[in-house]
Protein backbone atom coordinates (compact mmCIF):
# COMPACT_ATOMS: atom_id res chain seq x y z
CA MET A 1 33.29 -7.27 -2.53
CA VAL A 2 30.31 -6.37 -0.32
CA THR A 3 27.26 -5.28 -2.35
CA ARG A 4 24.25 -3.40 -1.01
CA VAL A 5 20.81 -4.66 -1.98
CA PRO A 6 19.14 -2.09 -4.30
CA VAL A 7 16.71 0.27 -2.60
CA ARG A 8 13.77 -0.95 -4.68
CA ASP A 9 14.27 -4.51 -3.40
CA ARG A 10 14.39 -3.73 0.32
CA THR A 11 10.61 -3.80 0.70
CA TRP A 12 10.84 -7.58 0.47
CA ALA A 13 13.49 -8.05 3.17
CA ARG A 14 11.19 -10.15 5.40
CA PHE A 15 9.76 -12.35 2.63
CA ARG A 16 10.96 -15.62 1.15
CA THR A 17 9.40 -17.78 -1.55
CA ALA A 18 9.77 -21.51 -1.95
CA ARG A 19 9.23 -23.52 -5.12
CA ALA A 20 9.40 -27.26 -5.65
CA ALA A 21 8.88 -29.57 -8.61
CA GLY A 22 8.47 -33.27 -9.25
CA PRO A 23 8.67 -35.98 -10.32
CA LEU A 24 12.15 -35.14 -11.62
CA HIS A 25 15.41 -36.81 -12.56
CA VAL A 26 17.23 -35.00 -9.76
CA PRO A 27 20.98 -34.37 -10.11
CA ASP A 28 23.14 -35.22 -7.14
CA ALA A 29 24.51 -32.52 -4.88
CA ALA A 30 28.07 -32.92 -6.21
CA THR A 31 26.93 -32.11 -9.76
CA VAL A 32 25.06 -29.00 -8.64
CA ARG A 33 27.98 -27.80 -6.54
CA ASP A 34 30.27 -28.20 -9.56
CA ARG A 35 27.97 -25.85 -11.47
CA LEU A 36 28.25 -23.32 -8.68
CA ARG A 37 32.05 -23.62 -8.60
CA ASP A 38 32.04 -22.80 -12.31
CA LEU A 39 29.80 -19.81 -11.57
CA ALA A 40 32.29 -18.69 -8.91
CA ARG A 41 35.03 -18.63 -11.55
CA ARG A 42 32.88 -16.63 -13.99
CA ALA A 43 31.08 -14.30 -11.58
CA PRO A 44 32.64 -14.40 -8.09
CA GLY A 45 30.29 -11.72 -6.75
CA HIS A 46 27.09 -13.44 -7.86
CA PRO A 47 24.30 -13.37 -5.21
CA LEU A 48 24.22 -17.18 -5.07
CA LEU A 49 27.79 -17.09 -3.75
CA CYS A 50 27.07 -14.57 -1.00
CA ARG A 51 25.35 -14.42 2.35
CA LEU A 52 22.74 -11.89 3.42
CA ASP A 53 23.70 -9.48 6.17
CA GLY A 54 20.82 -7.07 6.54
CA HIS A 55 20.75 -5.13 3.26
CA ARG A 56 24.22 -6.31 2.26
CA LEU A 57 25.40 -9.22 0.19
CA VAL A 58 28.66 -10.47 1.69
CA PRO A 59 30.75 -12.97 -0.31
CA ALA A 60 31.13 -16.28 1.49
CA THR A 61 34.59 -16.45 3.05
CA ASP A 62 34.71 -20.22 2.59
CA LEU A 63 33.17 -21.23 -0.73
CA GLU A 64 33.09 -24.96 0.03
CA THR A 65 31.30 -24.47 3.35
CA HIS A 66 28.85 -22.14 1.62
CA LEU A 67 28.10 -24.72 -1.07
CA GLN A 68 27.42 -27.34 1.62
CA ASP A 69 24.80 -24.98 3.11
CA LEU A 70 23.42 -23.99 -0.26
CA VAL A 71 22.82 -27.48 -1.68
CA VAL A 72 21.34 -30.12 0.62
CA GLU A 73 20.30 -33.70 -0.09
CA VAL A 74 17.52 -35.42 1.86
CA PRO A 75 16.99 -39.19 1.74
CA GLU A 76 13.20 -39.11 2.14
CA ASP A 77 11.19 -39.65 -1.05
CA VAL A 78 9.03 -36.58 -0.41
CA ASP A 79 6.84 -34.94 -3.05
CA ALA A 80 6.88 -31.31 -4.20
CA ASP A 81 4.21 -30.22 -1.69
CA ALA A 82 6.07 -31.62 1.32
CA LEU A 83 9.37 -30.20 0.11
CA ALA A 84 7.93 -26.71 -0.39
CA GLU A 85 6.22 -26.75 3.01
CA ARG A 86 9.49 -27.77 4.67
CA LEU A 87 11.31 -24.88 2.99
CA VAL A 88 8.72 -22.17 3.66
CA ALA A 89 8.27 -23.17 7.31
CA ALA A 90 11.98 -23.24 8.21
CA PRO A 91 13.90 -20.64 6.17
CA ARG A 92 17.61 -19.96 6.47
CA GLU A 93 17.49 -16.17 6.63
CA GLU A 94 21.22 -15.63 6.01
CA LEU A 95 21.19 -17.59 2.75
CA PRO A 96 19.93 -15.86 -0.40
CA LEU A 97 19.00 -19.27 -1.74
CA ARG A 98 18.83 -22.88 -0.57
CA LEU A 99 18.35 -25.91 -2.83
CA VAL A 100 17.05 -29.18 -1.39
CA LEU A 101 17.35 -32.36 -3.46
CA ALA A 102 15.16 -35.39 -2.78
CA PRO A 103 15.18 -38.65 -4.80
CA ARG A 104 12.34 -37.56 -7.11
CA ALA A 105 11.74 -33.88 -6.32
CA ALA A 106 13.73 -30.69 -5.85
CA GLY A 107 12.89 -27.53 -3.97
CA MET A 108 14.39 -24.06 -3.69
CA ASP A 109 13.90 -21.37 -1.06
CA VAL A 110 14.81 -17.84 -2.19
CA ALA A 111 15.01 -14.52 -0.38
CA HIS A 112 12.40 -12.40 -2.15
CA VAL A 113 14.63 -9.37 -1.71
CA LEU A 114 16.94 -10.88 -4.34
CA ALA A 115 14.54 -12.45 -6.80
CA ASP A 116 10.93 -12.56 -7.90
CA GLY A 117 9.60 -15.47 -9.93
CA ALA A 118 11.07 -14.27 -13.24
CA THR A 119 14.60 -14.41 -11.77
CA ALA A 120 14.24 -17.31 -9.34
CA ASN A 121 12.72 -19.75 -11.82
CA ALA A 122 15.67 -19.22 -14.18
CA TRP A 123 18.03 -19.99 -11.29
CA PHE A 124 16.02 -23.11 -10.41
CA ARG A 125 16.17 -24.49 -13.95
CA TRP A 126 19.88 -23.72 -14.25
CA LEU A 127 20.79 -25.38 -10.96
CA LEU A 128 18.94 -28.54 -12.03
CA GLY A 129 20.76 -28.77 -15.38
CA ASP A 130 19.29 -26.27 -17.86
CA ASP A 131 21.89 -24.01 -19.52
CA VAL A 132 19.60 -21.16 -20.64
CA PRO A 133 19.40 -18.46 -19.44
CA PRO A 134 22.66 -18.16 -17.49
CA PRO A 135 22.13 -16.91 -13.93
CA ASP A 136 24.74 -14.17 -14.31
CA ALA A 137 23.11 -12.44 -17.30
CA PRO A 138 23.60 -8.65 -16.94
CA SER A 139 20.56 -6.81 -15.65
CA ALA A 140 19.15 -3.58 -17.02
CA ARG A 141 20.43 -0.54 -15.14
CA THR A 142 17.98 1.64 -13.17
CA PRO A 143 14.95 -0.33 -14.47
CA LEU A 144 12.42 1.40 -12.24
CA LEU A 145 13.53 4.85 -13.38
CA ARG A 146 13.44 3.79 -17.05
CA ALA A 147 9.98 2.26 -16.71
CA GLY A 148 8.72 5.31 -14.80
CA LEU A 149 9.98 7.71 -17.49
CA ALA A 150 8.29 5.58 -20.16
CA LEU A 151 5.00 5.77 -18.22
CA ALA A 152 5.37 9.55 -17.74
CA ARG A 153 5.28 9.98 -21.53
CA HIS A 154 1.57 9.07 -21.30
CA PRO A 155 0.22 11.58 -18.73
CA ARG A 156 -3.41 10.37 -18.76
CA ARG A 157 -2.38 6.77 -18.20
CA ALA A 158 0.05 7.88 -15.47
CA VAL A 159 -2.76 9.73 -13.66
CA ARG A 160 -4.97 6.63 -13.88
CA ALA A 161 -2.09 4.54 -12.52
CA VAL A 162 -1.67 6.82 -9.50
CA ARG A 163 -5.40 6.79 -8.80
CA GLY A 164 -5.48 3.02 -9.19
CA ALA A 165 -2.76 2.59 -6.57
CA LEU A 166 -5.10 4.02 -3.92
CA PRO A 167 -6.25 2.83 -1.47
CA LEU A 168 -3.15 0.90 -0.49
CA SER A 169 -5.10 -1.53 1.68
CA PRO A 170 -8.72 -2.45 2.43
CA PRO A 171 -10.77 -0.40 4.89
CA ASP A 172 -10.61 -1.95 8.33
CA ASP A 173 -12.25 -0.58 11.47
CA ARG A 174 -11.88 -3.75 13.57
CA PRO A 175 -9.97 -3.57 16.86
CA HIS A 176 -6.49 -5.01 16.37
CA GLY A 177 -4.22 -6.78 18.82
CA SER A 178 -0.91 -8.59 18.75
CA ALA A 179 -1.09 -12.03 17.15
CA ASP A 180 1.21 -14.90 16.35
CA LEU A 181 1.70 -16.06 12.76
CA GLY A 182 2.18 -19.59 14.06
CA THR A 183 3.59 -22.29 11.83
CA VAL A 184 3.32 -21.65 8.10
CA ARG A 185 1.05 -24.27 6.53
CA LEU A 186 0.85 -25.16 2.86
CA VAL A 187 -2.17 -26.66 1.11
CA SER A 188 -2.42 -27.38 -2.59
CA ALA A 189 -4.57 -28.96 -5.26
CA ARG A 190 -4.36 -29.55 -8.97
CA VAL A 191 -7.20 -28.17 -11.08
CA PRO A 192 -7.38 -30.86 -13.78
CA THR A 193 -7.61 -30.13 -17.47
CA THR A 194 -11.25 -31.30 -17.49
CA ALA A 195 -12.15 -28.62 -14.94
CA LEU A 196 -10.22 -25.99 -16.91
CA GLU A 197 -12.19 -26.93 -20.02
CA GLY A 198 -15.39 -26.34 -18.05
CA LEU A 199 -14.15 -22.92 -16.93
CA ARG A 200 -13.25 -22.01 -20.51
CA ALA A 201 -16.67 -23.08 -21.76
CA TRP A 202 -18.34 -20.97 -19.08
CA ARG A 203 -16.05 -18.06 -19.94
CA ASP A 204 -16.82 -18.31 -23.67
CA GLU A 205 -20.56 -18.25 -22.99
CA HIS A 206 -20.84 -15.78 -20.11
CA ALA A 207 -17.68 -13.66 -20.07
CA PRO A 208 -16.03 -13.48 -23.51
CA GLY A 209 -12.84 -11.46 -23.32
CA THR A 210 -12.15 -12.49 -19.73
CA SER A 211 -9.04 -14.63 -19.28
CA THR A 212 -9.29 -18.17 -17.99
CA ALA A 213 -6.81 -17.13 -15.31
CA SER A 214 -9.26 -14.52 -14.01
CA VAL A 215 -12.08 -17.06 -14.01
CA LEU A 216 -9.96 -19.53 -12.03
CA MET A 217 -8.80 -16.86 -9.57
CA ALA A 218 -12.42 -15.77 -9.05
CA ARG A 219 -13.48 -19.38 -8.48
CA THR A 220 -10.67 -19.69 -5.92
CA ALA A 221 -11.77 -16.49 -4.17
CA GLN A 222 -15.29 -17.90 -4.05
CA ALA A 223 -14.03 -21.16 -2.52
CA LEU A 224 -12.13 -19.20 0.13
CA ALA A 225 -15.23 -17.10 0.91
CA GLU A 226 -17.31 -20.26 1.30
CA HIS A 227 -14.98 -21.65 3.97
CA LEU A 228 -13.36 -18.64 5.64
CA PRO A 229 -14.30 -15.08 6.63
CA VAL A 230 -12.44 -12.94 4.10
CA GLY A 231 -11.75 -9.25 3.85
CA PRO A 232 -12.97 -6.96 1.06
CA GLY A 233 -11.04 -6.73 -2.19
CA VAL A 234 -7.91 -8.63 -3.06
CA ARG A 235 -4.22 -8.13 -3.80
CA VAL A 236 -3.00 -9.46 -7.14
CA MET A 237 0.71 -9.84 -7.86
CA MET A 238 1.79 -8.25 -11.17
CA ASP A 239 5.10 -8.09 -13.01
CA CYS A 240 6.27 -4.59 -13.90
CA ARG A 241 8.65 -5.71 -16.68
CA ARG A 242 6.01 -5.06 -19.33
CA HIS A 243 6.52 -1.32 -18.74
CA LEU A 244 10.28 -1.46 -19.27
CA PRO A 245 11.43 -0.41 -22.75
CA GLY A 246 13.73 -2.93 -24.42
CA ASP A 247 14.35 -6.61 -23.80
CA ARG A 248 17.09 -6.43 -21.17
CA PRO A 249 16.43 -8.79 -18.22
CA VAL A 250 15.80 -7.35 -14.77
CA SER A 251 17.29 -9.19 -11.81
CA GLY A 252 16.00 -8.84 -8.29
CA ASN A 253 12.36 -8.06 -7.67
CA PHE A 254 10.33 -6.17 -10.21
CA ALA A 255 6.81 -7.22 -9.21
CA THR A 256 4.33 -6.12 -6.59
CA GLY A 257 0.74 -6.70 -5.55
CA PRO A 258 -1.58 -3.68 -5.64
CA TYR A 259 -4.82 -3.83 -3.68
CA LEU A 260 -7.86 -3.99 -5.96
CA GLU A 261 -11.15 -2.75 -4.51
CA VAL A 262 -13.25 -5.33 -6.34
CA ASP A 263 -15.43 -8.37 -5.66
CA ALA A 264 -12.81 -11.03 -6.30
CA THR A 265 -15.49 -13.73 -6.67
CA ASP A 266 -16.83 -12.01 -9.80
CA PRO A 267 -14.61 -13.16 -12.71
CA ILE A 268 -15.66 -10.32 -15.02
CA ALA A 269 -15.06 -7.61 -12.40
CA LEU A 270 -11.79 -9.20 -11.31
CA GLY A 271 -10.53 -9.65 -14.88
CA THR A 272 -11.43 -6.07 -15.74
CA ALA A 273 -9.70 -4.68 -12.64
CA VAL A 274 -6.54 -6.72 -13.22
CA ALA A 275 -6.33 -5.78 -16.90
CA ARG A 276 -6.90 -2.08 -16.16
CA ALA A 277 -4.30 -1.97 -13.37
CA ALA A 278 -1.69 -3.79 -15.47
CA SER A 279 -2.32 -1.66 -18.55
CA ASP A 280 -2.31 1.65 -16.66
CA GLY A 281 0.88 0.85 -14.75
CA THR A 282 -0.65 0.77 -11.27
CA PRO A 283 1.81 -1.84 -9.93
CA LEU A 284 4.70 0.26 -11.26
CA VAL A 285 3.43 3.29 -9.33
CA LEU A 286 3.12 1.17 -6.20
CA LEU A 287 6.65 -0.19 -6.66
CA GLY A 288 7.91 3.38 -7.08
CA ALA A 289 6.10 4.51 -3.92
CA LEU A 290 7.52 1.65 -1.89
CA THR A 291 11.01 2.42 -3.19
CA ALA A 292 10.64 6.09 -2.21
CA ARG A 293 9.56 5.04 1.29
CA ASN A 294 12.57 2.73 1.55
CA LEU A 295 14.84 5.60 0.56
CA LEU A 296 13.35 8.06 3.04
CA THR A 297 12.47 5.97 6.08
CA GLY A 298 13.61 2.42 5.38
CA PRO A 299 11.32 -0.51 4.66
CA GLY A 300 8.27 -0.71 6.89
CA ARG A 301 7.88 -3.78 9.08
CA ALA A 302 4.23 -4.28 9.91
CA PRO A 303 3.64 -5.51 13.46
CA ALA A 304 2.19 -9.00 13.86
CA THR A 305 -1.40 -8.03 14.58
CA ALA A 306 -4.82 -9.42 13.72
CA GLY A 307 -8.28 -7.91 13.80
CA SER A 308 -11.19 -9.15 15.86
CA PRO A 309 -12.92 -11.13 14.47
CA PRO A 310 -10.11 -12.41 12.21
CA ARG A 311 -10.54 -12.49 8.44
CA ALA A 312 -8.35 -13.66 5.61
CA ASP A 313 -6.39 -11.00 3.71
CA VAL A 314 -6.00 -12.66 0.29
CA THR A 315 -3.20 -12.22 -2.24
CA LEU A 316 -3.45 -13.98 -5.62
CA SER A 317 -0.42 -14.66 -7.82
CA HIS A 318 -0.99 -16.28 -11.22
CA GLN A 319 2.37 -17.31 -12.66
CA GLY A 320 1.29 -17.98 -16.21
CA ARG A 321 4.59 -17.36 -17.98
CA LEU A 322 6.76 -19.97 -16.29
CA ASP A 323 8.95 -21.96 -18.65
CA LEU A 324 8.91 -25.50 -17.24
CA ARG A 325 10.46 -27.18 -20.28
CA GLY A 326 14.03 -26.92 -19.00
CA LEU A 327 13.33 -29.05 -15.91
CA PRO A 328 14.35 -32.76 -16.03
CA TRP A 329 10.84 -34.22 -15.76
CA ARG A 330 10.37 -37.97 -15.33
CA SER A 331 6.86 -37.68 -16.77
CA THR A 332 4.60 -34.81 -17.74
CA ASP A 333 1.43 -36.70 -16.79
CA GLU A 334 1.74 -35.99 -13.06
CA VAL A 335 3.73 -32.75 -13.13
CA ALA A 336 3.68 -30.76 -9.91
CA PHE A 337 5.19 -27.30 -9.64
CA VAL A 338 4.53 -25.64 -6.30
CA VAL A 339 5.18 -21.95 -5.58
CA ALA A 340 4.65 -20.98 -1.94
CA GLY A 341 5.04 -17.48 -0.57
CA ARG A 342 5.62 -16.81 3.12
CA PRO A 343 2.48 -15.00 4.41
CA ALA A 344 2.79 -11.30 5.20
CA GLY A 345 1.04 -11.61 8.57
CA PRO A 346 -1.26 -13.66 10.81
CA GLU A 347 -4.33 -13.00 8.62
CA ALA A 348 -2.57 -13.22 5.27
CA VAL A 349 -3.34 -15.96 2.75
CA THR A 350 -1.17 -16.16 -0.36
CA VAL A 351 -2.45 -18.25 -3.27
CA CYS A 352 -0.19 -19.09 -6.22
CA PHE A 353 -1.36 -20.58 -9.53
CA VAL A 354 1.06 -22.42 -11.84
CA PRO A 355 -0.16 -23.81 -15.19
CA THR A 356 1.42 -27.19 -15.98
CA PRO A 357 0.79 -29.87 -18.62
CA ALA A 358 -1.30 -31.76 -16.04
CA GLY A 359 -3.49 -28.79 -15.06
CA VAL A 360 -3.08 -25.74 -12.86
CA HIS A 361 -1.32 -26.31 -9.53
CA VAL A 362 -2.93 -24.10 -6.86
CA THR A 363 -0.98 -23.58 -3.63
CA ALA A 364 -2.09 -21.56 -0.61
CA THR A 365 0.01 -20.64 2.41
CA ALA A 366 -1.10 -19.21 5.74
CA GLY A 367 0.00 -19.21 9.35
CA ASP A 368 -2.01 -21.36 11.75
CA GLY A 369 -1.80 -18.89 14.65
CA VAL A 370 -5.06 -17.11 13.78
CA LEU A 371 -6.66 -18.61 10.69
CA ASP A 372 -8.40 -21.99 10.45
CA VAL A 373 -6.03 -23.97 8.26
CA ASP A 374 -8.47 -26.90 8.03
CA ALA A 375 -11.00 -24.55 6.45
CA LEU A 376 -8.33 -23.29 4.07
CA ARG A 377 -7.45 -26.89 3.18
CA ALA A 378 -11.13 -27.64 2.42
CA ALA A 379 -11.40 -24.54 0.22
CA VAL A 380 -8.37 -25.43 -1.86
CA ALA A 381 -9.31 -29.12 -2.06
CA SER A 382 -12.67 -28.19 -3.58
CA LEU A 383 -10.84 -26.84 -6.63
CA SER A 384 -9.51 -30.27 -7.61
CA ASP A 385 -13.02 -31.59 -8.22
CA ALA A 386 -14.12 -30.96 -11.80
CA GLY A 387 -17.72 -30.32 -10.76
CA ALA A 388 -16.87 -28.00 -7.89
CA ALA A 389 -14.32 -26.03 -9.89
CA GLY A 390 -16.89 -24.44 -12.14
CA PRO A 391 -18.77 -22.46 -13.06
CA PRO A 392 -18.06 -19.42 -10.88
CA GLY A 393 -20.92 -17.97 -8.94
CA PRO A 394 -21.77 -15.09 -6.65
CA SER A 395 -20.03 -14.88 -3.32
CA ARG A 396 -21.84 -16.27 -0.30
CA ARG A 397 -19.91 -14.14 2.16
């Protein structure tokens, strides 16, 4: 049966997100395909068993051919970084998901229209052998409406949320012209536990009440500003599930990244802005506005343009609630978990943070058509040095 993608998810039609992990005890493709055959018996209309046709999910006419496309083995002993870069640079747009298995690492490319991190990471664990949660767990019905009605019961907070959702993007009076995204490049670094301890010590002394995540994101924004021209403010991805009454899971995408008009290199200001937006429900308002636009005019597709001179438009995504325990790790000493989002445009830089037992894995993606990827690589690399990773300081933009 053909299924239409929900209206609230159509904003993300042009985005895909890759994730990769290692070193792992990786199952062979035959084992994974057996799991998917079992899923086909239990839930024949599951998104994993369909192909994307615009805003429609069309069941694969030949299941075995579909499984061959869905699960791929590569002989090269590549690491998680290389696997994620391969996936994000060469997506298969008609597949909702693609799993690539290497000897010691596994990667998964997912259409963002079908899944944000909360959904996709459960699929990833399940495909690699974890049994909980099942990928066909029923989703809450009309989650955006339910969350919106819950927010409307608090009028003052709802007004703050609407105000917080504006402006939708940073002010920009530069002349713009057509530009090429180029090849998507991925750079990453691990912030070691010693550096994180330094950030926590600085936080405890100078910014009590600010999260370590905000301090690390501010330090990252500072590193970017030291190596690249960056725009004002920052977008921060936030999950809207906290505003949904009840514990029912939500499939698809239920997260978005509101623009915060704040100095992202200031950990106190950034932490305050993030906490206020999340508490007020600002990302929920933005998600509702995007859904309304989709309903009335269809999802907007921004033209590939860049301003002159170019500057990085930064989005930060701290994925602090990932459950990595269900993955078949070979060792937790050198754990790598890479999350890489396809950039939104030629000037876009997306930075993802994943806490692991070995430190926080920081991954940035950008196209090389406009931005200096070598400068981006230097900025991210500076985070892996314990001395350079802290303490935060004022921007030198």
